[in-house]
Amino acid sequence: MRDVAGVLQRALSDEIIYARPERLRVFVSSQIREGILAAERQAAVEAIESHPDYRAWVWERDSAAGPYSSAKVCVKQAQTSDALVLLLADDLTPVTAKEYRAAGRAGVPRFVFLKDVAARTEAAEKFVTLEQRRRIVTENFGNVAEMKTQILNAIRTYTRMAHRRSIAEARARRP
């Protein structure tokens, strides 16, 4: 019983520490090092925040300075977000994979946007194939304008469908 209480306490403290803002928080996940997807990350923020109900969370803007592990902060932010947008070029980094899995375990809706590249690593290809089998939203994009449209359409559609599903479930519970 003590283990259950500990798990619940940690979950509650995560929700308090990484509390959600008034707008729906959409975690933007991607490879950051070497600026490989810098333009795409900025465009994703612009797309998400073009809707008044969404706010993007990105490390380079939203993390606070301090003596902590950036990987741990990102994983916790992903896990407690309202949605996760993954931008994938040629490689899926270990931290990005951890963010993605943590969000999935927490029931966070995830959307994968695949940059048109010559080739992906074997691990990235396996990841994409598996997620497509799981029916996770995956979209290819050739440029940032296309990606921005796809991101906004994906999260709008999901939000609308989730709302309609909740209404249908409430109707089904009525006597």
N, C-alpha and C. Protein backbone atom coordinates (compact mmCIF):
# COMPACT_ATOMS: atom_id res chain seq x y z
N MET A 1 0.82 -1.19 0.00
CA MET A 1 0.00 0.00 0.00
C MET A 1 0.87 1.26 0.00
N ARG A 2 2.00 1.17 0.68
CA ARG A 2 2.89 2.32 0.76
C ARG A 2 3.42 2.69 -0.63
N ASP A 3 3.68 1.70 -1.50
CA ASP A 3 4.16 1.98 -2.85
C ASP A 3 3.12 2.74 -3.65
N VAL A 4 1.85 2.38 -3.52
CA VAL A 4 0.78 3.06 -4.22
C VAL A 4 0.70 4.52 -3.76
N ALA A 5 0.77 4.73 -2.45
CA ALA A 5 0.73 6.08 -1.91
C ALA A 5 1.91 6.90 -2.43
N GLY A 6 3.06 6.30 -2.51
CA GLY A 6 4.24 7.01 -3.03
C GLY A 6 4.08 7.39 -4.49
N VAL A 7 3.54 6.48 -5.28
CA VAL A 7 3.31 6.77 -6.70
C VAL A 7 2.31 7.91 -6.84
N LEU A 8 1.23 7.85 -6.07
CA LEU A 8 0.23 8.92 -6.12
C LEU A 8 0.82 10.26 -5.69
N GLN A 9 1.64 10.24 -4.64
CA GLN A 9 2.26 11.48 -4.17
C GLN A 9 3.18 12.07 -5.22
N ARG A 10 3.98 11.22 -5.88
CA ARG A 10 4.86 11.71 -6.94
C ARG A 10 4.05 12.28 -8.10
N ALA A 11 2.98 11.61 -8.49
CA ALA A 11 2.14 12.10 -9.58
C ALA A 11 1.53 13.45 -9.23
N LEU A 12 1.05 13.58 -7.99
CA LEU A 12 0.47 14.83 -7.55
C LEU A 12 1.53 15.93 -7.53
N SER A 13 2.71 15.64 -7.03
CA SER A 13 3.75 16.66 -6.97
C SER A 13 4.18 17.06 -8.38
N ASP A 14 4.20 16.13 -9.33
CA ASP A 14 4.52 16.48 -10.72
C ASP A 14 3.48 17.44 -11.27
N GLU A 15 2.21 17.18 -10.99
CA GLU A 15 1.15 18.06 -11.47
C GLU A 15 1.27 19.45 -10.86
N ILE A 16 1.73 19.54 -9.63
CA ILE A 16 1.89 20.84 -8.98
C ILE A 16 3.13 21.55 -9.51
N ILE A 17 4.25 20.85 -9.56
CA ILE A 17 5.50 21.46 -10.02
C ILE A 17 5.41 21.86 -11.48
N TYR A 18 4.85 20.99 -12.29
CA TYR A 18 4.77 21.24 -13.72
C TYR A 18 3.34 21.62 -14.10
N ALA A 19 2.71 22.44 -13.26
CA ALA A 19 1.29 22.79 -13.41
C ALA A 19 0.97 23.32 -14.80
N ARG A 20 -0.20 22.98 -15.25
CA ARG A 20 -0.63 23.41 -16.57
C ARG A 20 -1.14 24.85 -16.52
N PRO A 21 -0.82 25.63 -17.54
CA PRO A 21 -1.34 26.99 -17.63
C PRO A 21 -2.81 26.98 -18.07
N GLU A 22 -3.40 28.18 -18.18
CA GLU A 22 -4.79 28.26 -18.62
C GLU A 22 -4.98 27.69 -20.02
N ARG A 23 -4.02 27.96 -20.89
CA ARG A 23 -4.12 27.42 -22.25
C ARG A 23 -3.58 26.00 -22.26
N LEU A 24 -3.99 25.23 -23.24
CA LEU A 24 -3.50 23.86 -23.38
C LEU A 24 -2.01 23.90 -23.75
N ARG A 25 -1.21 23.19 -22.96
CA ARG A 25 0.24 23.19 -23.18
C ARG A 25 0.61 22.07 -24.13
N VAL A 26 1.29 22.45 -25.21
CA VAL A 26 1.75 21.49 -26.21
C VAL A 26 3.27 21.46 -26.16
N PHE A 27 3.81 20.33 -25.74
CA PHE A 27 5.25 20.16 -25.63
C PHE A 27 5.83 19.91 -27.02
N VAL A 28 6.86 20.67 -27.39
CA VAL A 28 7.52 20.49 -28.68
C VAL A 28 8.80 19.72 -28.44
N SER A 29 8.88 18.55 -29.03
CA SER A 29 10.00 17.64 -28.83
C SER A 29 10.73 17.45 -30.16
N SER A 30 12.06 17.50 -30.10
CA SER A 30 12.87 17.22 -31.29
C SER A 30 14.33 17.22 -30.88
N GLN A 31 15.15 16.83 -31.82
CA GLN A 31 16.59 16.95 -31.63
C GLN A 31 16.91 18.44 -31.57
N ILE A 32 17.68 18.85 -30.57
CA ILE A 32 18.01 20.27 -30.43
C ILE A 32 19.47 20.54 -30.80
N ARG A 33 20.34 19.61 -30.43
CA ARG A 33 21.77 19.88 -30.61
C ARG A 33 22.11 20.22 -32.06
N GLU A 34 23.07 21.09 -32.18
CA GLU A 34 23.58 21.55 -33.47
C GLU A 34 22.54 22.35 -34.26
N GLY A 35 21.41 22.68 -33.65
CA GLY A 35 20.40 23.49 -34.32
C GLY A 35 19.78 22.85 -35.53
N ILE A 36 19.81 21.51 -35.58
CA ILE A 36 19.34 20.79 -36.76
C ILE A 36 17.89 21.13 -37.10
N LEU A 37 17.03 21.26 -36.12
CA LEU A 37 15.62 21.56 -36.37
C LEU A 37 15.21 22.91 -35.78
N ALA A 38 16.14 23.85 -35.69
CA ALA A 38 15.85 25.14 -35.07
C ALA A 38 14.72 25.88 -35.78
N ALA A 39 14.76 25.96 -37.08
CA ALA A 39 13.71 26.67 -37.83
C ALA A 39 12.36 25.98 -37.66
N GLU A 40 12.38 24.66 -37.66
CA GLU A 40 11.14 23.90 -37.51
C GLU A 40 10.56 24.07 -36.11
N ARG A 41 11.43 24.09 -35.09
CA ARG A 41 10.95 24.28 -33.71
C ARG A 41 10.28 25.65 -33.57
N GLN A 42 10.91 26.68 -34.10
CA GLN A 42 10.32 28.01 -34.03
C GLN A 42 8.99 28.06 -34.79
N ALA A 43 8.93 27.43 -35.94
CA ALA A 43 7.70 27.41 -36.73
C ALA A 43 6.60 26.62 -35.99
N ALA A 44 6.98 25.57 -35.29
CA ALA A 44 6.00 24.78 -34.52
C ALA A 44 5.41 25.65 -33.42
N VAL A 45 6.25 26.42 -32.73
CA VAL A 45 5.76 27.33 -31.68
C VAL A 45 4.77 28.33 -32.30
N GLU A 46 5.13 28.90 -33.42
CA GLU A 46 4.25 29.87 -34.09
C GLU A 46 2.91 29.23 -34.46
N ALA A 47 2.95 28.03 -34.99
CA ALA A 47 1.71 27.35 -35.38
C ALA A 47 0.84 27.09 -34.17
N ILE A 48 1.43 26.53 -33.13
CA ILE A 48 0.68 26.20 -31.92
C ILE A 48 0.08 27.45 -31.30
N GLU A 49 0.87 28.49 -31.19
CA GLU A 49 0.43 29.69 -30.50
C GLU A 49 -0.41 30.62 -31.38
N SER A 50 -0.63 30.24 -32.63
CA SER A 50 -1.53 31.02 -33.48
C SER A 50 -2.98 30.78 -33.06
N HIS A 51 -3.20 29.74 -32.27
CA HIS A 51 -4.54 29.46 -31.73
C HIS A 51 -4.58 29.96 -30.29
N PRO A 52 -5.64 30.69 -29.92
CA PRO A 52 -5.67 31.27 -28.57
C PRO A 52 -5.76 30.27 -27.43
N ASP A 53 -6.11 29.02 -27.70
CA ASP A 53 -6.25 28.03 -26.64
C ASP A 53 -4.99 27.19 -26.40
N TYR A 54 -3.94 27.39 -27.19
CA TYR A 54 -2.73 26.57 -27.09
C TYR A 54 -1.52 27.43 -26.75
N ARG A 55 -0.62 26.83 -25.99
CA ARG A 55 0.68 27.44 -25.72
C ARG A 55 1.74 26.36 -25.85
N ALA A 56 2.75 26.66 -26.64
CA ALA A 56 3.85 25.71 -26.82
C ALA A 56 4.79 25.77 -25.63
N TRP A 57 5.44 24.62 -25.34
CA TRP A 57 6.51 24.59 -24.35
C TRP A 57 7.74 24.08 -25.08
N VAL A 58 8.79 24.92 -25.11
CA VAL A 58 10.07 24.53 -25.72
C VAL A 58 11.19 24.86 -24.75
N TRP A 59 12.16 24.00 -24.69
CA TRP A 59 13.27 24.12 -23.76
C TRP A 59 13.95 25.48 -23.86
N GLU A 60 14.26 25.88 -25.08
CA GLU A 60 15.07 27.09 -25.26
C GLU A 60 14.36 28.36 -24.80
N ARG A 61 13.07 28.34 -24.65
CA ARG A 61 12.34 29.52 -24.19
C ARG A 61 11.77 29.35 -22.78
N ASP A 62 11.30 28.16 -22.45
CA ASP A 62 10.48 27.99 -21.25
C ASP A 62 11.16 27.35 -20.05
N SER A 63 12.35 26.85 -20.21
CA SER A 63 13.01 26.25 -19.05
C SER A 63 13.60 27.36 -18.18
N ALA A 64 13.62 27.11 -16.91
CA ALA A 64 14.20 28.06 -15.96
C ALA A 64 15.65 27.69 -15.70
N ALA A 65 16.46 28.69 -15.48
CA ALA A 65 17.86 28.42 -15.16
C ALA A 65 17.95 27.77 -13.78
N GLY A 66 18.90 26.86 -13.64
CA GLY A 66 19.07 26.23 -12.35
C GLY A 66 19.91 24.97 -12.44
N PRO A 67 20.28 24.45 -11.28
CA PRO A 67 21.13 23.25 -11.23
C PRO A 67 20.29 21.97 -11.29
N TYR A 68 19.85 21.59 -12.45
CA TYR A 68 19.04 20.38 -12.60
C TYR A 68 19.35 19.75 -13.94
N SER A 69 18.84 18.58 -14.13
CA SER A 69 19.04 17.86 -15.37
C SER A 69 18.02 18.33 -16.40
N SER A 70 18.52 18.81 -17.52
CA SER A 70 17.60 19.26 -18.58
C SER A 70 16.75 18.10 -19.09
N ALA A 71 17.33 16.91 -19.15
CA ALA A 71 16.57 15.75 -19.62
C ALA A 71 15.41 15.46 -18.68
N LYS A 72 15.66 15.50 -17.38
CA LYS A 72 14.60 15.21 -16.42
C LYS A 72 13.48 16.25 -16.51
N VAL A 73 13.84 17.51 -16.62
CA VAL A 73 12.84 18.58 -16.74
C VAL A 73 12.00 18.37 -18.00
N CYS A 74 12.65 18.08 -19.10
CA CYS A 74 11.92 17.90 -20.36
C CYS A 74 10.99 16.69 -20.29
N VAL A 75 11.45 15.61 -19.72
CA VAL A 75 10.60 14.41 -19.60
C VAL A 75 9.38 14.73 -18.74
N LYS A 76 9.58 15.41 -17.62
CA LYS A 76 8.44 15.76 -16.75
C LYS A 76 7.50 16.74 -17.44
N GLN A 77 8.03 17.69 -18.18
CA GLN A 77 7.16 18.62 -18.91
C GLN A 77 6.36 17.87 -19.98
N ALA A 78 6.99 16.96 -20.69
CA ALA A 78 6.29 16.17 -21.71
C ALA A 78 5.18 15.34 -21.08
N GLN A 79 5.50 14.72 -19.97
CA GLN A 79 4.57 13.83 -19.26
C GLN A 79 3.35 14.57 -18.71
N THR A 80 3.49 15.84 -18.40
CA THR A 80 2.38 16.60 -17.80
C THR A 80 1.76 17.60 -18.77
N SER A 81 2.10 17.52 -20.04
CA SER A 81 1.53 18.42 -21.04
C SER A 81 0.17 17.90 -21.51
N ASP A 82 -0.52 18.75 -22.24
CA ASP A 82 -1.83 18.37 -22.79
C ASP A 82 -1.68 17.69 -24.15
N ALA A 83 -0.54 17.87 -24.80
CA ALA A 83 -0.25 17.22 -26.08
C ALA A 83 1.25 17.30 -26.31
N LEU A 84 1.74 16.46 -27.20
CA LEU A 84 3.17 16.47 -27.56
C LEU A 84 3.28 16.46 -29.07
N VAL A 85 4.07 17.37 -29.60
CA VAL A 85 4.39 17.42 -31.02
C VAL A 85 5.85 17.02 -31.16
N LEU A 86 6.10 15.93 -31.89
CA LEU A 86 7.47 15.47 -32.13
C LEU A 86 7.85 15.81 -33.56
N LEU A 87 8.95 16.52 -33.72
CA LEU A 87 9.51 16.83 -35.02
C LEU A 87 10.70 15.90 -35.22
N LEU A 88 10.66 15.12 -36.29
CA LEU A 88 11.70 14.12 -36.49
C LEU A 88 12.34 14.30 -37.86
N ALA A 89 13.66 14.45 -37.86
CA ALA A 89 14.41 14.52 -39.12
C ALA A 89 15.03 13.15 -39.37
N ASP A 90 16.36 13.05 -39.21
CA ASP A 90 17.02 11.79 -39.52
C ASP A 90 17.28 10.90 -38.31
N ASP A 91 17.19 11.46 -37.08
CA ASP A 91 17.56 10.67 -35.91
C ASP A 91 16.64 10.97 -34.73
N LEU A 92 16.34 9.94 -33.98
CA LEU A 92 15.57 10.06 -32.75
C LEU A 92 16.57 9.96 -31.59
N THR A 93 16.80 11.07 -30.90
CA THR A 93 17.78 11.07 -29.82
C THR A 93 17.23 10.34 -28.59
N PRO A 94 18.10 9.89 -27.70
CA PRO A 94 17.63 9.21 -26.49
C PRO A 94 16.71 10.08 -25.62
N VAL A 95 17.02 11.37 -25.48
CA VAL A 95 16.17 12.24 -24.65
C VAL A 95 14.81 12.43 -25.31
N THR A 96 14.80 12.63 -26.61
CA THR A 96 13.54 12.80 -27.33
C THR A 96 12.69 11.54 -27.19
N ALA A 97 13.31 10.39 -27.29
CA ALA A 97 12.57 9.12 -27.13
C ALA A 97 12.00 9.01 -25.72
N LYS A 98 12.76 9.43 -24.71
CA LYS A 98 12.26 9.40 -23.33
C LYS A 98 11.06 10.33 -23.15
N GLU A 99 11.14 11.53 -23.73
CA GLU A 99 10.02 12.46 -23.66
C GLU A 99 8.78 11.85 -24.27
N TYR A 100 8.95 11.26 -25.44
CA TYR A 100 7.84 10.67 -26.18
C TYR A 100 7.20 9.52 -25.40
N ARG A 101 8.03 8.64 -24.86
CA ARG A 101 7.51 7.49 -24.09
C ARG A 101 6.82 7.95 -22.81
N ALA A 102 7.40 8.93 -22.12
CA ALA A 102 6.79 9.44 -20.87
C ALA A 102 5.41 10.03 -21.16
N ALA A 103 5.30 10.79 -22.23
CA ALA A 103 4.01 11.36 -22.61
C ALA A 103 3.01 10.25 -22.92
N GLY A 104 3.46 9.24 -23.63
CA GLY A 104 2.57 8.11 -23.96
C GLY A 104 2.08 7.37 -22.73
N ARG A 105 2.98 7.10 -21.79
CA ARG A 105 2.57 6.41 -20.55
C ARG A 105 1.57 7.24 -19.76
N ALA A 106 1.65 8.57 -19.87
CA ALA A 106 0.75 9.45 -19.14
C ALA A 106 -0.55 9.72 -19.88
N GLY A 107 -0.72 9.12 -21.07
CA GLY A 107 -1.95 9.30 -21.82
C GLY A 107 -2.02 10.61 -22.60
N VAL A 108 -0.88 11.24 -22.80
CA VAL A 108 -0.83 12.50 -23.53
C VAL A 108 -0.95 12.20 -25.03
N PRO A 109 -1.84 12.88 -25.75
CA PRO A 109 -1.90 12.67 -27.20
C PRO A 109 -0.60 13.13 -27.86
N ARG A 110 -0.12 12.31 -28.80
CA ARG A 110 1.17 12.59 -29.44
C ARG A 110 0.98 12.65 -30.95
N PHE A 111 1.72 13.59 -31.56
CA PHE A 111 1.66 13.80 -32.99
C PHE A 111 3.10 13.85 -33.51
N VAL A 112 3.37 13.10 -34.58
CA VAL A 112 4.73 13.00 -35.11
C VAL A 112 4.76 13.61 -36.51
N PHE A 113 5.67 14.57 -36.69
CA PHE A 113 5.82 15.24 -37.97
C PHE A 113 7.21 14.93 -38.50
N LEU A 114 7.24 14.33 -39.68
CA LEU A 114 8.47 13.77 -40.25
C LEU A 114 9.01 14.67 -41.35
N LYS A 115 10.17 15.23 -41.10
CA LYS A 115 10.82 16.06 -42.11
C LYS A 115 11.29 15.18 -43.25
N ASP A 116 11.04 15.62 -44.49
CA ASP A 116 11.55 14.88 -45.64
C ASP A 116 13.07 14.94 -45.62
N VAL A 117 13.70 13.79 -45.45
CA VAL A 117 15.16 13.69 -45.43
C VAL A 117 15.57 12.54 -46.34
N ALA A 118 16.84 12.54 -46.73
CA ALA A 118 17.35 11.49 -47.61
C ALA A 118 17.22 10.12 -46.95
N ALA A 119 17.56 10.04 -45.66
CA ALA A 119 17.50 8.76 -44.96
C ALA A 119 17.43 9.01 -43.46
N ARG A 120 16.75 8.11 -42.76
CA ARG A 120 16.71 8.15 -41.30
C ARG A 120 17.58 7.02 -40.77
N THR A 121 18.01 7.16 -39.53
CA THR A 121 18.75 6.07 -38.91
C THR A 121 17.82 4.86 -38.81
N GLU A 122 18.41 3.71 -38.62
CA GLU A 122 17.61 2.50 -38.50
C GLU A 122 16.64 2.59 -37.31
N ALA A 123 17.13 3.12 -36.19
CA ALA A 123 16.29 3.26 -35.00
C ALA A 123 15.11 4.21 -35.27
N ALA A 124 15.37 5.30 -35.97
CA ALA A 124 14.30 6.26 -36.28
C ALA A 124 13.27 5.62 -37.21
N GLU A 125 13.72 4.85 -38.17
CA GLU A 125 12.79 4.17 -39.09
C GLU A 125 11.91 3.16 -38.35
N LYS A 126 12.53 2.40 -37.44
CA LYS A 126 11.75 1.44 -36.65
C LYS A 126 10.71 2.16 -35.80
N PHE A 127 11.10 3.28 -35.21
CA PHE A 127 10.19 4.09 -34.40
C PHE A 127 9.00 4.54 -35.25
N VAL A 128 9.25 5.10 -36.42
CA VAL A 128 8.18 5.60 -37.29
C VAL A 128 7.25 4.47 -37.68
N THR A 129 7.79 3.34 -38.08
CA THR A 129 6.96 2.19 -38.48
C THR A 129 6.07 1.74 -37.33
N LEU A 130 6.63 1.63 -36.14
CA LEU A 130 5.86 1.20 -34.97
C LEU A 130 4.75 2.20 -34.65
N GLU A 131 5.04 3.47 -34.67
CA GLU A 131 4.03 4.48 -34.33
C GLU A 131 2.93 4.53 -35.38
N GLN A 132 3.28 4.31 -36.63
CA GLN A 132 2.25 4.28 -37.67
C GLN A 132 1.34 3.06 -37.48
N ARG A 133 1.89 1.94 -37.06
CA ARG A 133 1.06 0.76 -36.76
C ARG A 133 0.13 1.03 -35.59
N ARG A 134 0.58 1.83 -34.63
CA ARG A 134 -0.24 2.18 -33.46
C ARG A 134 -1.28 3.25 -33.79
N ARG A 135 -1.25 3.72 -35.01
CA ARG A 135 -2.18 4.75 -35.49
C ARG A 135 -1.95 6.12 -34.84
N ILE A 136 -0.72 6.37 -34.45
CA ILE A 136 -0.34 7.70 -33.98
C ILE A 136 -0.32 8.60 -35.22
N VAL A 137 -0.80 9.83 -35.08
CA VAL A 137 -0.79 10.76 -36.21
C VAL A 137 0.65 11.01 -36.63
N THR A 138 0.96 10.66 -37.86
CA THR A 138 2.27 10.95 -38.43
C THR A 138 2.04 11.62 -39.78
N GLU A 139 2.74 12.71 -39.99
CA GLU A 139 2.63 13.46 -41.24
C GLU A 139 4.01 13.81 -41.74
N ASN A 140 4.22 13.71 -43.04
CA ASN A 140 5.48 14.14 -43.64
C ASN A 140 5.36 15.60 -44.02
N PHE A 141 6.48 16.32 -43.95
CA PHE A 141 6.49 17.71 -44.40
C PHE A 141 7.77 18.02 -45.14
N GLY A 142 7.64 18.88 -46.14
CA GLY A 142 8.80 19.26 -46.94
C GLY A 142 9.35 20.62 -46.58
N ASN A 143 8.49 21.47 -45.97
CA ASN A 143 8.93 22.81 -45.60
C ASN A 143 8.17 23.25 -44.35
N VAL A 144 8.61 24.35 -43.75
CA VAL A 144 8.02 24.78 -42.48
C VAL A 144 6.57 25.24 -42.64
N ALA A 145 6.23 25.84 -43.76
CA ALA A 145 4.84 26.28 -43.96
C ALA A 145 3.90 25.08 -43.95
N GLU A 146 4.29 24.04 -44.63
CA GLU A 146 3.49 22.81 -44.66
C GLU A 146 3.38 22.20 -43.26
N MET A 147 4.50 22.18 -42.54
CA MET A 147 4.51 21.62 -41.19
C MET A 147 3.60 22.42 -40.26
N LYS A 148 3.64 23.74 -40.34
CA LYS A 148 2.80 24.58 -39.49
C LYS A 148 1.32 24.26 -39.70
N THR A 149 0.91 24.14 -40.94
CA THR A 149 -0.49 23.81 -41.25
C THR A 149 -0.86 22.45 -40.68
N GLN A 150 0.01 21.48 -40.85
CA GLN A 150 -0.26 20.12 -40.36
C GLN A 150 -0.36 20.08 -38.83
N ILE A 151 0.51 20.79 -38.15
CA ILE A 151 0.48 20.80 -36.68
C ILE A 151 -0.83 21.40 -36.19
N LEU A 152 -1.19 22.55 -36.70
CA LEU A 152 -2.41 23.21 -36.25
C LEU A 152 -3.64 22.35 -36.56
N ASN A 153 -3.68 21.77 -37.75
CA ASN A 153 -4.81 20.90 -38.09
C ASN A 153 -4.89 19.68 -37.18
N ALA A 154 -3.76 19.09 -36.86
CA ALA A 154 -3.74 17.88 -36.02
C ALA A 154 -4.25 18.16 -34.61
N ILE A 155 -3.75 19.23 -33.99
CA ILE A 155 -4.18 19.48 -32.61
C ILE A 155 -5.60 20.01 -32.56
N ARG A 156 -6.02 20.78 -33.55
CA ARG A 156 -7.43 21.22 -33.61
C ARG A 156 -8.36 20.03 -33.76
N THR A 157 -8.03 19.15 -34.69
CA THR A 157 -8.87 17.97 -34.93
C THR A 157 -8.95 17.11 -33.69
N TYR A 158 -7.82 16.87 -33.04
CA TYR A 158 -7.83 16.05 -31.84
C TYR A 158 -8.69 16.69 -30.75
N THR A 159 -8.53 18.00 -30.54
CA THR A 159 -9.29 18.70 -29.50
C THR A 159 -10.79 18.61 -29.79
N ARG A 160 -11.17 18.83 -31.02
CA ARG A 160 -12.58 18.75 -31.41
C ARG A 160 -13.12 17.33 -31.20
N MET A 161 -12.38 16.34 -31.62
CA MET A 161 -12.83 14.95 -31.47
C MET A 161 -12.92 14.55 -30.00
N ALA A 162 -11.95 14.98 -29.19
CA ALA A 162 -11.98 14.65 -27.76
C ALA A 162 -13.19 15.30 -27.09
N HIS A 163 -13.49 16.51 -27.46
CA HIS A 163 -14.66 17.19 -26.91
C HIS A 163 -15.94 16.44 -27.29
N ARG A 164 -16.06 16.09 -28.55
CA ARG A 164 -17.26 15.38 -29.01
C ARG A 164 -17.37 14.00 -28.36
N ARG A 165 -16.24 13.34 -28.15
CA ARG A 165 -16.24 12.04 -27.49
C ARG A 165 -16.73 12.17 -26.05
N SER A 166 -16.29 13.24 -25.36
CA SER A 166 -16.73 13.43 -23.97
C SER A 166 -18.23 13.69 -23.90
N ILE A 167 -18.78 14.41 -24.87
CA ILE A 167 -20.23 14.64 -24.91
C ILE A 167 -20.96 13.32 -25.15
N ALA A 168 -20.46 12.54 -26.11
CA ALA A 168 -21.10 11.26 -26.40
C ALA A 168 -21.05 10.32 -25.20
N GLU A 169 -19.92 10.31 -24.48
CA GLU A 169 -19.82 9.46 -23.27
C GLU A 169 -20.78 9.94 -22.19
N ALA A 170 -20.92 11.25 -22.04
CA ALA A 170 -21.87 11.79 -21.03
C ALA A 170 -23.30 11.42 -21.39
N ARG A 171 -23.63 11.47 -22.67
CA ARG A 171 -24.97 11.08 -23.11
C ARG A 171 -25.22 9.59 -22.86
N ALA A 172 -24.20 8.80 -23.10
CA ALA A 172 -24.35 7.34 -22.92
C ALA A 172 -24.53 6.97 -21.45
N ARG A 173 -24.01 7.78 -20.54
CA ARG A 173 -24.15 7.51 -19.11
C ARG A 173 -25.50 7.93 -18.55
N ARG A 174 -26.24 8.73 -19.29
CA ARG A 174 -27.55 9.18 -18.80
C ARG A 174 -28.53 8.02 -18.73
N PRO A 175 -29.39 8.07 -17.69
CA PRO A 175 -30.39 6.98 -17.57
C PRO A 175 -31.45 7.06 -18.64
